[in-house]
Amino acid sequence: MNNTRSFSLYLFLFIGVFALSTSAIFVKLSSAPAPIIATYRMMFSTFLLLPMLFLQKGTFQEIQNLTRKQWLLGSLSGAFLAFHYGLWFESLHFTSVASSTVFVTLQPLFAFIGGYFLFGEKLKGFAIGGGILALVGSFIIGWGDFKIGGQALFGDMLALLGAVTITVYFFIGQYLRKVLSLITYALIAYSTSALFLLGYSLILGYPLTGYPSSDWMCFLGLAFISTILGQTILNWLIKWLNTSTISMSILGEPIGTCILAYFILGEVVTTQQLIGSSIILFGIFLFLRYNQPVEKSKELKLNSNVEN
């Protein structure tokens, strides 16, 4: 992989991870129940992508030609994405932003294991060391907020389950994005996720309307910033970067969340968080430096495939 293309991929990776960092902030600012927040996030994200079904040449035809297996896997991907958002958003009502974000970004642990058994991915020593360092940094950030027992522990466990489900989601995406365009995959996953979350919200009896305008702004922010500029960019990158690399980079999310929490929520950035953030950044650097992105095709040109 040439240096220019590699730099472009990592630049988009940075943008995607920072956009994802806004998720916890929008959830904290919203007064709506977690399932409703997740439902409208995915519903609005689907609506934002729908015009591309007709604007991007070949997308409508591609969807018509999908096999039963591709439909099934795409729907399964959406189901795991729904579980992820439902579990994580719910966790934020029981534990702190820092603790929840740290636990939900522990997905590299599951990505390393799954990547080895499913795709035969092997990590170099320095890459493994970088991964361990980044995880240690995450725990340092959240350690001051960890509360053993009670509601906080329940919230932490929900976030950890959210890490498992999002890892499965990325593994399915890594498989499907080899043959499907970004818009086709995202539309299937997002719409299916929205339907699962809508059904879950209705079963629990949550009203779909009657929320203040500030909540609707949070829903839109989650859809456009956190999902379209965050999740969707990662779905685009998964064609060239493996799940382990994506998951490792998402460990940078607590850093972005801490920065945004300082400016938006007025939360103080502690020395502990600064130390943890520095360790995370160094760990991510080591991992990305020694775990090179997966080559899909020597002839693949980044600029000519932006639409895919």
C-alpha atoms as a PDB file:
ATOM      1  CA  MET A   1       0.000   0.000   0.000  1.00  0.00           C
ATOM      2  CA  ASN A   2       1.503   3.334  -1.031  1.00  0.00           C
ATOM      3  CA  ASN A   3       2.030   6.068   1.541  1.00  0.00           C
ATOM      4  CA  THR A   4      -0.451   8.506  -0.007  1.00  0.00           C
ATOM      5  CA  ARG A   5      -3.292   6.008   0.034  1.00  0.00           C
ATOM      6  CA  SER A   6      -2.372   4.829   3.529  1.00  0.00           C
ATOM      7  CA  PHE A   7      -2.418   8.428   4.802  1.00  0.00           C
ATOM      8  CA  SER A   8      -5.827   9.023   3.196  1.00  0.00           C
ATOM      9  CA  LEU A   9      -7.302   5.938   4.850  1.00  0.00           C
ATOM     10  CA  TYR A  10      -5.976   6.898   8.275  1.00  0.00           C
ATOM     11  CA  LEU A  11      -7.192  10.488   7.852  1.00  0.00           C
ATOM     12  CA  PHE A  12     -10.711   9.219   7.184  1.00  0.00           C
ATOM     13  CA  LEU A  13     -10.300   6.842  10.125  1.00  0.00           C
ATOM     14  CA  PHE A  14      -9.503   9.799  12.398  1.00  0.00           C
ATOM     15  CA  ILE A  15     -12.534  11.730  11.132  1.00  0.00           C
ATOM     16  CA  GLY A  16     -14.794   8.724  11.643  1.00  0.00           C
ATOM     17  CA  VAL A  17     -13.611   8.055  15.189  1.00  0.00           C
ATOM     18  CA  PHE A  18     -13.911  11.713  16.213  1.00  0.00           C
ATOM     19  CA  ALA A  19     -17.438  11.856  14.779  1.00  0.00           C
ATOM     20  CA  LEU A  20     -18.285   8.743  16.801  1.00  0.00           C
ATOM     21  CA  SER A  21     -17.038  10.541  19.919  1.00  0.00           C
ATOM     22  CA  THR A  22     -20.129  12.740  19.809  1.00  0.00           C
ATOM     23  CA  SER A  23     -22.469   9.786  20.421  1.00  0.00           C
ATOM     24  CA  ALA A  24     -22.295   9.711  24.214  1.00  0.00           C
ATOM     25  CA  ILE A  25     -22.645  13.512  24.361  1.00  0.00           C
ATOM     26  CA  PHE A  26     -25.853  13.541  22.296  1.00  0.00           C
ATOM     27  CA  VAL A  27     -27.286  10.693  24.394  1.00  0.00           C
ATOM     28  CA  LYS A  28     -26.496  12.511  27.642  1.00  0.00           C
ATOM     29  CA  LEU A  29     -28.078  15.721  26.312  1.00  0.00           C
ATOM     30  CA  SER A  30     -31.287  13.932  25.339  1.00  0.00           C
ATOM     31  CA  SER A  31     -34.083  13.299  27.822  1.00  0.00           C
ATOM     32  CA  ALA A  32     -35.696  10.550  25.714  1.00  0.00           C
ATOM     33  CA  PRO A  33     -35.547   6.841  26.672  1.00  0.00           C
ATOM     34  CA  ALA A  34     -32.519   4.962  25.304  1.00  0.00           C
ATOM     35  CA  PRO A  35     -34.504   2.769  22.852  1.00  0.00           C
ATOM     36  CA  ILE A  36     -36.190   5.862  21.367  1.00  0.00           C
ATOM     37  CA  ILE A  37     -32.844   7.636  20.942  1.00  0.00           C
ATOM     38  CA  ALA A  38     -31.380   4.595  19.192  1.00  0.00           C
ATOM     39  CA  THR A  39     -34.492   4.149  17.031  1.00  0.00           C
ATOM     40  CA  TYR A  40     -34.480   7.685  15.690  1.00  0.00           C
ATOM     41  CA  ARG A  41     -30.715   7.633  15.230  1.00  0.00           C
ATOM     42  CA  MET A  42     -30.961   4.701  12.835  1.00  0.00           C
ATOM     43  CA  MET A  43     -34.240   5.828  11.265  1.00  0.00           C
ATOM     44  CA  PHE A  44     -32.909   9.292  10.420  1.00  0.00           C
ATOM     45  CA  SER A  45     -29.619   7.793   9.223  1.00  0.00           C
ATOM     46  CA  THR A  46     -31.571   5.589   6.802  1.00  0.00           C
ATOM     47  CA  PHE A  47     -33.571   8.576   5.530  1.00  0.00           C
ATOM     48  CA  LEU A  48     -30.359  10.561   4.975  1.00  0.00           C
ATOM     49  CA  LEU A  49     -28.905   7.743   2.861  1.00  0.00           C
ATOM     50  CA  LEU A  50     -32.075   6.952   0.866  1.00  0.00           C
ATOM     51  CA  PRO A  51     -31.478   9.602  -1.860  1.00  0.00           C
ATOM     52  CA  MET A  52     -28.187   7.845  -2.688  1.00  0.00           C
ATOM     53  CA  LEU A  53     -30.232   4.814  -3.720  1.00  0.00           C
ATOM     54  CA  PHE A  54     -31.223   6.754  -6.819  1.00  0.00           C
ATOM     55  CA  LEU A  55     -28.337   9.240  -7.117  1.00  0.00           C
ATOM     56  CA  GLN A  56     -25.523   6.661  -7.087  1.00  0.00           C
ATOM     57  CA  LYS A  57     -25.490   4.741 -10.333  1.00  0.00           C
ATOM     58  CA  GLY A  58     -25.992   1.006 -10.005  1.00  0.00           C
ATOM     59  CA  THR A  59     -27.061   0.956  -6.338  1.00  0.00           C
ATOM     60  CA  PHE A  60     -30.734   0.192  -7.008  1.00  0.00           C
ATOM     61  CA  GLN A  61     -29.750  -2.582  -9.405  1.00  0.00           C
ATOM     62  CA  GLU A  62     -27.275  -3.979  -6.904  1.00  0.00           C
ATOM     63  CA  ILE A  63     -29.977  -4.229  -4.241  1.00  0.00           C
ATOM     64  CA  GLN A  64     -32.278  -6.021  -6.684  1.00  0.00           C
ATOM     65  CA  ASN A  65     -29.534  -8.571  -7.410  1.00  0.00           C
ATOM     66  CA  LEU A  66     -28.714  -9.368  -3.786  1.00  0.00           C
ATOM     67  CA  THR A  67     -28.684 -13.057  -2.930  1.00  0.00           C
ATOM     68  CA  ARG A  68     -30.700 -14.529  -0.084  1.00  0.00           C
ATOM     69  CA  LYS A  69     -27.475 -15.013   1.889  1.00  0.00           C
ATOM     70  CA  GLN A  70     -26.492 -11.361   1.444  1.00  0.00           C
ATOM     71  CA  TRP A  71     -29.931 -10.204   2.576  1.00  0.00           C
ATOM     72  CA  LEU A  72     -29.728 -12.485   5.598  1.00  0.00           C
ATOM     73  CA  LEU A  73     -26.233 -11.366   6.602  1.00  0.00           C
ATOM     74  CA  GLY A  74     -27.079  -7.701   6.001  1.00  0.00           C
ATOM     75  CA  SER A  75     -30.174  -8.013   8.177  1.00  0.00           C
ATOM     76  CA  LEU A  76     -28.177  -9.853  10.835  1.00  0.00           C
ATOM     77  CA  SER A  77     -25.650  -7.019  10.756  1.00  0.00           C
ATOM     78  CA  GLY A  78     -28.458  -4.533  11.369  1.00  0.00           C
ATOM     79  CA  ALA A  79     -29.759  -6.631  14.253  1.00  0.00           C
ATOM     80  CA  PHE A  80     -26.371  -6.610  15.993  1.00  0.00           C
ATOM     81  CA  LEU A  81     -26.069  -2.856  15.383  1.00  0.00           C
ATOM     82  CA  ALA A  82     -29.494  -2.416  17.004  1.00  0.00           C
ATOM     83  CA  PHE A  83     -28.422  -4.508  20.002  1.00  0.00           C
ATOM     84  CA  HIS A  84     -25.238  -2.453  20.281  1.00  0.00           C
ATOM     85  CA  TYR A  85     -26.977   0.919  20.373  1.00  0.00           C
ATOM     86  CA  GLY A  86     -29.763  -0.319  22.618  1.00  0.00           C
ATOM     87  CA  LEU A  87     -27.325  -1.770  25.151  1.00  0.00           C
ATOM     88  CA  TRP A  88     -24.879   1.126  25.077  1.00  0.00           C
ATOM     89  CA  PHE A  89     -27.445   3.929  25.235  1.00  0.00           C
ATOM     90  CA  GLU A  90     -29.191   2.167  28.100  1.00  0.00           C
ATOM     91  CA  SER A  91     -25.877   1.844  29.948  1.00  0.00           C
ATOM     92  CA  LEU A  92     -25.450   5.625  29.907  1.00  0.00           C
ATOM     93  CA  HIS A  93     -28.503   5.918  32.166  1.00  0.00           C
ATOM     94  CA  PHE A  94     -26.831   3.739  34.819  1.00  0.00           C
ATOM     95  CA  THR A  95     -23.146   4.658  34.746  1.00  0.00           C
ATOM     96  CA  SER A  96     -20.898   7.597  33.828  1.00  0.00           C
ATOM     97  CA  VAL A  97     -20.002   8.671  30.286  1.00  0.00           C
ATOM     98  CA  ALA A  98     -16.350   7.759  30.899  1.00  0.00           C
ATOM     99  CA  SER A  99     -17.045   4.279  32.277  1.00  0.00           C
ATOM    100  CA  SER A 100     -19.613   3.448  29.615  1.00  0.00           C
ATOM    101  CA  THR A 101     -17.407   4.665  26.757  1.00  0.00           C
ATOM    102  CA  VAL A 102     -14.396   2.753  28.081  1.00  0.00           C
ATOM    103  CA  PHE A 103     -16.309  -0.529  28.353  1.00  0.00           C
ATOM    104  CA  VAL A 104     -18.001  -0.193  24.972  1.00  0.00           C
ATOM    105  CA  THR A 105     -14.648   0.475  23.300  1.00  0.00           C
ATOM    106  CA  LEU A 106     -13.136  -2.760  24.636  1.00  0.00           C
ATOM    107  CA  GLN A 107     -14.154  -4.331  21.340  1.00  0.00           C
ATOM    108  CA  PRO A 108     -10.505  -4.896  20.232  1.00  0.00           C
ATOM    109  CA  LEU A 109     -10.350  -7.767  22.722  1.00  0.00           C
ATOM    110  CA  PHE A 110     -13.126  -9.533  20.845  1.00  0.00           C
ATOM    111  CA  ALA A 111     -11.898  -8.319  17.445  1.00  0.00           C
ATOM    112  CA  PHE A 112      -8.437  -9.857  17.952  1.00  0.00           C
ATOM    113  CA  ILE A 113      -9.939 -13.227  18.869  1.00  0.00           C
ATOM    114  CA  GLY A 114     -12.549 -13.192  16.118  1.00  0.00           C
ATOM    115  CA  GLY A 115     -10.088 -11.936  13.514  1.00  0.00           C
ATOM    116  CA  TYR A 116      -7.732 -14.813  14.260  1.00  0.00           C
ATOM    117  CA  PHE A 117     -10.357 -17.561  14.075  1.00  0.00           C
ATOM    118  CA  LEU A 118     -12.575 -16.120  11.308  1.00  0.00           C
ATOM    119  CA  PHE A 119     -10.061 -14.479   8.965  1.00  0.00           C
ATOM    120  CA  GLY A 120      -6.733 -15.957  10.058  1.00  0.00           C
ATOM    121  CA  GLU A 121      -5.409 -12.519  11.021  1.00  0.00           C
ATOM    122  CA  LYS A 122      -2.170 -12.580  12.988  1.00  0.00           C
ATOM    123  CA  LEU A 123      -0.773  -9.603  14.856  1.00  0.00           C
ATOM    124  CA  LYS A 124       2.865  -8.655  15.215  1.00  0.00           C
ATOM    125  CA  GLY A 125       4.391  -8.304  18.668  1.00  0.00           C
ATOM    126  CA  PHE A 126       4.538  -4.509  18.612  1.00  0.00           C
ATOM    127  CA  ALA A 127       0.937  -4.345  17.352  1.00  0.00           C
ATOM    128  CA  ILE A 128      -0.214  -6.522  20.263  1.00  0.00           C
ATOM    129  CA  GLY A 129       1.799  -4.349  22.664  1.00  0.00           C
ATOM    130  CA  GLY A 130       0.169  -1.238  21.234  1.00  0.00           C
ATOM    131  CA  GLY A 131      -3.253  -2.796  21.675  1.00  0.00           C
ATOM    132  CA  ILE A 132      -2.554  -3.632  25.299  1.00  0.00           C
ATOM    133  CA  LEU A 133      -1.247  -0.117  25.950  1.00  0.00           C
ATOM    134  CA  ALA A 134      -4.356   1.468  24.433  1.00  0.00           C
ATOM    135  CA  LEU A 135      -6.607  -0.735  26.562  1.00  0.00           C
ATOM    136  CA  VAL A 136      -4.622   0.217  29.679  1.00  0.00           C
ATOM    137  CA  GLY A 137      -5.059   3.882  28.751  1.00  0.00           C
ATOM    138  CA  SER A 138      -8.816   3.379  28.426  1.00  0.00           C
ATOM    139  CA  PHE A 139      -8.996   1.885  31.904  1.00  0.00           C
ATOM    140  CA  ILE A 140      -6.964   4.770  33.316  1.00  0.00           C
ATOM    141  CA  ILE A 141      -9.463   7.255  31.862  1.00  0.00           C
ATOM    142  CA  GLY A 142     -12.466   5.455  33.286  1.00  0.00           C
ATOM    143  CA  TRP A 143     -10.983   4.192  36.540  1.00  0.00           C
ATOM    144  CA  GLY A 144     -12.011   7.206  38.588  1.00  0.00           C
ATOM    145  CA  ASP A 145     -15.622   6.712  37.538  1.00  0.00           C
ATOM    146  CA  PHE A 146     -15.848   2.958  38.059  1.00  0.00           C
ATOM    147  CA  LYS A 147     -18.238   2.148  40.864  1.00  0.00           C
ATOM    148  CA  ILE A 148     -18.400  -1.465  41.915  1.00  0.00           C
ATOM    149  CA  GLY A 149     -21.925  -2.662  42.602  1.00  0.00           C
ATOM    150  CA  GLY A 150     -25.413  -1.310  42.119  1.00  0.00           C
ATOM    151  CA  GLN A 151     -26.631   0.469  39.036  1.00  0.00           C
ATOM    152  CA  ALA A 152     -23.143   1.503  37.881  1.00  0.00           C
ATOM    153  CA  LEU A 153     -21.988  -2.108  37.602  1.00  0.00           C
ATOM    154  CA  PHE A 154     -25.153  -2.990  35.674  1.00  0.00           C
ATOM    155  CA  GLY A 155     -24.466  -0.088  33.307  1.00  0.00           C
ATOM    156  CA  ASP A 156     -20.874  -1.219  32.809  1.00  0.00           C
ATOM    157  CA  MET A 157     -22.019  -4.741  31.913  1.00  0.00           C
ATOM    158  CA  LEU A 158     -24.529  -3.376  29.392  1.00  0.00           C
ATOM    159  CA  ALA A 159     -21.718  -1.376  27.777  1.00  0.00           C
ATOM    160  CA  LEU A 160     -19.475  -4.464  27.667  1.00  0.00           C
ATOM    161  CA  LEU A 161     -22.232  -6.416  25.885  1.00  0.00           C
ATOM    162  CA  GLY A 162     -22.459  -3.445  23.519  1.00  0.00           C
ATOM    163  CA  ALA A 163     -18.774  -3.979  22.708  1.00  0.00           C
ATOM    164  CA  VAL A 164     -19.424  -7.628  21.817  1.00  0.00           C
ATOM    165  CA  THR A 165     -22.354  -6.824  19.511  1.00  0.00           C
ATOM    166  CA  ILE A 166     -20.586  -4.013  17.621  1.00  0.00           C
ATOM    167  CA  THR A 167     -17.606  -6.321  17.034  1.00  0.00           C
ATOM    168  CA  VAL A 168     -19.889  -8.911  15.433  1.00  0.00           C
ATOM    169  CA  TYR A 169     -21.404  -6.112  13.349  1.00  0.00           C
ATOM    170  CA  PHE A 170     -17.972  -5.126  12.013  1.00  0.00           C
ATOM    171  CA  PHE A 171     -17.029  -8.728  11.248  1.00  0.00           C
ATOM    172  CA  ILE A 172     -20.158  -9.160   9.144  1.00  0.00           C
ATOM    173  CA  GLY A 173     -19.373  -5.844   7.463  1.00  0.00           C
ATOM    174  CA  GLN A 174     -15.800  -6.941   6.755  1.00  0.00           C
ATOM    175  CA  TYR A 175     -17.215  -9.972   4.941  1.00  0.00           C
ATOM    176  CA  LEU A 176     -20.028  -8.228   3.032  1.00  0.00           C
ATOM    177  CA  ARG A 177     -18.072  -5.133   2.014  1.00  0.00           C
ATOM    178  CA  LYS A 178     -15.840  -7.340  -0.125  1.00  0.00           C
ATOM    179  CA  VAL A 179     -18.753  -7.697  -2.545  1.00  0.00           C
ATOM    180  CA  LEU A 180     -21.225  -4.907  -1.708  1.00  0.00           C
ATOM    181  CA  SER A 181     -20.963  -1.152  -2.184  1.00  0.00           C
ATOM    182  CA  LEU A 182     -21.024   1.122   0.856  1.00  0.00           C
ATOM    183  CA  ILE A 183     -24.505   2.553   0.264  1.00  0.00           C
ATOM    184  CA  THR A 184     -26.098  -0.843  -0.361  1.00  0.00           C
ATOM    185  CA  TYR A 185     -24.576  -2.353   2.778  1.00  0.00           C
ATOM    186  CA  ALA A 186     -25.315   0.689   4.945  1.00  0.00           C
ATOM    187  CA  LEU A 187     -28.936   0.951   3.786  1.00  0.00           C
ATOM    188  CA  ILE A 188     -29.624  -2.691   4.588  1.00  0.00           C
ATOM    189  CA  ALA A 189     -27.877  -2.572   7.967  1.00  0.00           C
ATOM    190  CA  TYR A 190     -29.291   0.795   9.066  1.00  0.00           C
ATOM    191  CA  SER A 191     -32.881   0.153   7.939  1.00  0.00           C
ATOM    192  CA  THR A 192     -32.927  -3.295   9.545  1.00  0.00           C
ATOM    193  CA  SER A 193     -31.461  -1.848  12.724  1.00  0.00           C
ATOM    194  CA  ALA A 194     -34.132   0.887  12.752  1.00  0.00           C
ATOM    195  CA  LEU A 195     -36.918  -1.702  12.378  1.00  0.00           C
ATOM    196  CA  PHE A 196     -35.554  -3.836  15.230  1.00  0.00           C
ATOM    197  CA  LEU A 197     -35.240  -0.797  17.487  1.00  0.00           C
ATOM    198  CA  LEU A 198     -38.686   0.504  16.532  1.00  0.00           C
ATOM    199  CA  GLY A 199     -40.261  -2.834  17.399  1.00  0.00           C
ATOM    200  CA  TYR A 200     -38.361  -2.945  20.693  1.00  0.00           C
ATOM    201  CA  SER A 201     -39.503   0.588  21.603  1.00  0.00           C
ATOM    202  CA  LEU A 202     -43.144  -0.225  20.808  1.00  0.00           C
ATOM    203  CA  ILE A 203     -43.021  -3.449  22.830  1.00  0.00           C
ATOM    204  CA  LEU A 204     -41.754  -1.479  25.823  1.00  0.00           C
ATOM    205  CA  GLY A 205     -44.562   1.038  25.317  1.00  0.00           C
ATOM    206  CA  TYR A 206     -42.417   4.118  24.711  1.00  0.00           C
ATOM    207  CA  PRO A 207     -44.223   6.943  22.844  1.00  0.00           C
ATOM    208  CA  LEU A 208     -42.771   7.903  19.454  1.00  0.00           C
ATOM    209  CA  THR A 209     -43.735  11.566  19.770  1.00  0.00           C
ATOM    210  CA  GLY A 210     -44.036  14.274  22.407  1.00  0.00           C
ATOM    211  CA  TYR A 211     -40.316  14.914  22.919  1.00  0.00           C
ATOM    212  CA  PRO A 212     -38.895  18.463  23.180  1.00  0.00           C
ATOM    213  CA  SER A 213     -37.175  20.090  20.210  1.00  0.00           C
ATOM    214  CA  SER A 214     -33.793  19.657  21.923  1.00  0.00           C
ATOM    215  CA  ASP A 215     -34.263  15.877  21.789  1.00  0.00           C
ATOM    216  CA  TRP A 216     -35.049  15.961  18.073  1.00  0.00           C
ATOM    217  CA  MET A 217     -31.862  17.961  17.510  1.00  0.00           C
ATOM    218  CA  CYS A 218     -29.946  15.267  19.384  1.00  0.00           C
ATOM    219  CA  PHE A 219     -31.565  12.572  17.210  1.00  0.00           C
ATOM    220  CA  LEU A 220     -30.504  14.439  14.068  1.00  0.00           C
ATOM    221  CA  GLY A 221     -27.011  15.008  15.457  1.00  0.00           C
ATOM    222  CA  LEU A 222     -26.635  11.309  16.188  1.00  0.00           C
ATOM    223  CA  ALA A 223     -27.818  10.462  12.673  1.00  0.00           C
ATOM    224  CA  PHE A 224     -25.756  12.942  10.675  1.00  0.00           C
ATOM    225  CA  ILE A 225     -22.598  13.403  12.757  1.00  0.00           C
ATOM    226  CA  SER A 226     -22.233  10.196  14.773  1.00  0.00           C
ATOM    227  CA  THR A 227     -23.597   7.813  12.124  1.00  0.00           C
ATOM    228  CA  ILE A 228     -23.162   9.277   8.626  1.00  0.00           C
ATOM    229  CA  LEU A 229     -19.829  10.982   9.365  1.00  0.00           C
ATOM    230  CA  GLY A 230     -18.764   8.341  11.906  1.00  0.00           C
ATOM    231  CA  GLN A 231     -20.227   4.868  11.525  1.00  0.00           C
ATOM    232  CA  THR A 232     -20.648   5.103   7.748  1.00  0.00           C
ATOM    233  CA  ILE A 233     -17.044   6.197   7.201  1.00  0.00           C
ATOM    234  CA  LEU A 234     -15.930   3.153   9.183  1.00  0.00           C
ATOM    235  CA  ASN A 235     -18.211   0.971   7.049  1.00  0.00           C
ATOM    236  CA  TRP A 236     -16.450   2.418   3.996  1.00  0.00           C
ATOM    237  CA  LEU A 237     -13.009   1.796   5.480  1.00  0.00           C
ATOM    238  CA  ILE A 238     -13.771  -1.810   6.485  1.00  0.00           C
ATOM    239  CA  LYS A 239     -13.238  -2.755   2.822  1.00  0.00           C
ATOM    240  CA  TRP A 240      -9.533  -1.921   3.169  1.00  0.00           C
ATOM    241  CA  LEU A 241      -8.867  -2.001   6.929  1.00  0.00           C
ATOM    242  CA  ASN A 242      -9.646  -5.100   8.973  1.00  0.00           C
ATOM    243  CA  THR A 243     -11.948  -5.204  12.000  1.00  0.00           C
ATOM    244  CA  SER A 244      -9.013  -5.274  14.431  1.00  0.00           C
ATOM    245  CA  THR A 245      -7.642  -1.997  13.018  1.00  0.00           C
ATOM    246  CA  ILE A 246     -11.051  -0.306  13.091  1.00  0.00           C
ATOM    247  CA  SER A 247     -11.723  -1.520  16.636  1.00  0.00           C
ATOM    248  CA  MET A 248      -8.299  -0.416  17.868  1.00  0.00           C
ATOM    249  CA  SER A 249      -8.801   3.050  16.435  1.00  0.00           C
ATOM    250  CA  ILE A 250     -12.183   3.342  18.151  1.00  0.00           C
ATOM    251  CA  LEU A 251     -10.244   3.205  21.430  1.00  0.00           C
ATOM    252  CA  GLY A 252      -9.536   6.850  20.631  1.00  0.00           C
ATOM    253  CA  GLU A 253     -13.245   7.581  21.103  1.00  0.00           C
ATOM    254  CA  PRO A 254     -12.960   8.168  24.893  1.00  0.00           C
ATOM    255  CA  ILE A 255     -10.413  10.910  24.165  1.00  0.00           C
ATOM    256  CA  GLY A 256     -12.778  12.733  21.846  1.00  0.00           C
ATOM    257  CA  THR A 257     -15.638  12.202  24.295  1.00  0.00           C
ATOM    258  CA  CYS A 258     -13.605  13.683  27.175  1.00  0.00           C
ATOM    259  CA  ILE A 259     -12.732  16.747  25.082  1.00  0.00           C
ATOM    260  CA  LEU A 260     -16.333  17.266  23.996  1.00  0.00           C
ATOM    261  CA  ALA A 261     -17.623  16.644  27.534  1.00  0.00           C
ATOM    262  CA  TYR A 262     -15.298  19.420  28.743  1.00  0.00           C
ATOM    263  CA  PHE A 263     -16.615  21.998  26.270  1.00  0.00           C
ATOM    264  CA  ILE A 264     -20.279  20.922  26.087  1.00  0.00           C
ATOM    265  CA  LEU A 265     -21.119  19.316  29.432  1.00  0.00           C
ATOM    266  CA  GLY A 266     -18.653  21.312  31.518  1.00  0.00           C
ATOM    267  CA  GLU A 267     -16.919  18.185  32.795  1.00  0.00           C
ATOM    268  CA  VAL A 268     -13.376  18.700  34.080  1.00  0.00           C
ATOM    269  CA  VAL A 269     -10.503  17.035  32.213  1.00  0.00           C
ATOM    270  CA  THR A 270      -8.402  15.449  34.952  1.00  0.00           C
ATOM    271  CA  THR A 271      -4.708  14.608  35.022  1.00  0.00           C
ATOM    272  CA  GLN A 272      -5.744  10.973  35.050  1.00  0.00           C
ATOM    273  CA  GLN A 273      -7.644  11.446  31.789  1.00  0.00           C
ATOM    274  CA  LEU A 274      -4.703  13.264  30.187  1.00  0.00           C
ATOM    275  CA  ILE A 275      -2.328  10.451  31.120  1.00  0.00           C
ATOM    276  CA  GLY A 276      -4.773   7.823  29.882  1.00  0.00           C
ATOM    277  CA  SER A 277      -5.320   9.692  26.623  1.00  0.00           C
ATOM    278  CA  SER A 278      -1.580   9.933  25.981  1.00  0.00           C
ATOM    279  CA  ILE A 279      -1.164   6.189  26.554  1.00  0.00           C
ATOM    280  CA  ILE A 280      -4.098   5.421  24.247  1.00  0.00           C
ATOM    281  CA  LEU A 281      -2.675   7.577  21.451  1.00  0.00           C
ATOM    282  CA  PHE A 282       0.755   5.963  21.755  1.00  0.00           C
ATOM    283  CA  GLY A 283      -0.797   2.491  21.818  1.00  0.00           C
ATOM    284  CA  ILE A 284      -2.901   3.219  18.720  1.00  0.00           C
ATOM    285  CA  PHE A 285       0.187   4.599  16.960  1.00  0.00           C
ATOM    286  CA  LEU A 286       2.132   1.389  17.661  1.00  0.00           C
ATOM    287  CA  PHE A 287      -0.756  -0.774  16.526  1.00  0.00           C
ATOM    288  CA  LEU A 288      -1.346   1.088  13.256  1.00  0.00           C
ATOM    289  CA  ARG A 289       2.383   1.282  12.592  1.00  0.00           C
ATOM    290  CA  TYR A 290       2.969  -2.464  12.916  1.00  0.00           C
ATOM    291  CA  ASN A 291      -0.423  -3.800  11.797  1.00  0.00           C
ATOM    292  CA  GLN A 292      -0.630  -2.797   8.156  1.00  0.00           C
ATOM    293  CA  PRO A 293      -4.050  -2.462   6.478  1.00  0.00           C
ATOM    294  CA  VAL A 294      -5.248  -5.461   4.507  1.00  0.00           C
ATOM    295  CA  GLU A 295      -4.685  -5.243   0.750  1.00  0.00           C
ATOM    296  CA  LYS A 296      -7.816  -6.142  -1.162  1.00  0.00           C
ATOM    297  CA  SER A 297      -6.430  -5.646  -4.658  1.00  0.00           C
ATOM    298  CA  LYS A 298      -3.220  -4.266  -6.071  1.00  0.00           C
ATOM    299  CA  GLU A 299      -5.161  -2.431  -8.732  1.00  0.00           C
ATOM    300  CA  LEU A 300      -7.513  -0.793  -6.228  1.00  0.00           C
ATOM    301  CA  LYS A 301      -7.372   2.980  -6.495  1.00  0.00           C
ATOM    302  CA  LEU A 302      -8.675   4.986  -3.554  1.00  0.00           C
ATOM    303  CA  ASN A 303      -9.819   8.017  -5.511  1.00  0.00           C
ATOM    304  CA  SER A 304     -11.748   6.012  -8.083  1.00  0.00           C
ATOM    305  CA  ASN A 305     -13.641   4.054  -5.420  1.00  0.00           C
ATOM    306  CA  VAL A 306     -14.825   6.801  -3.067  1.00  0.00           C
ATOM    307  CA  GLU A 307     -18.384   6.163  -4.215  1.00  0.00           C
ATOM    308  CA  ASN A 308     -18.150   2.530  -3.123  1.00  0.00           C
END
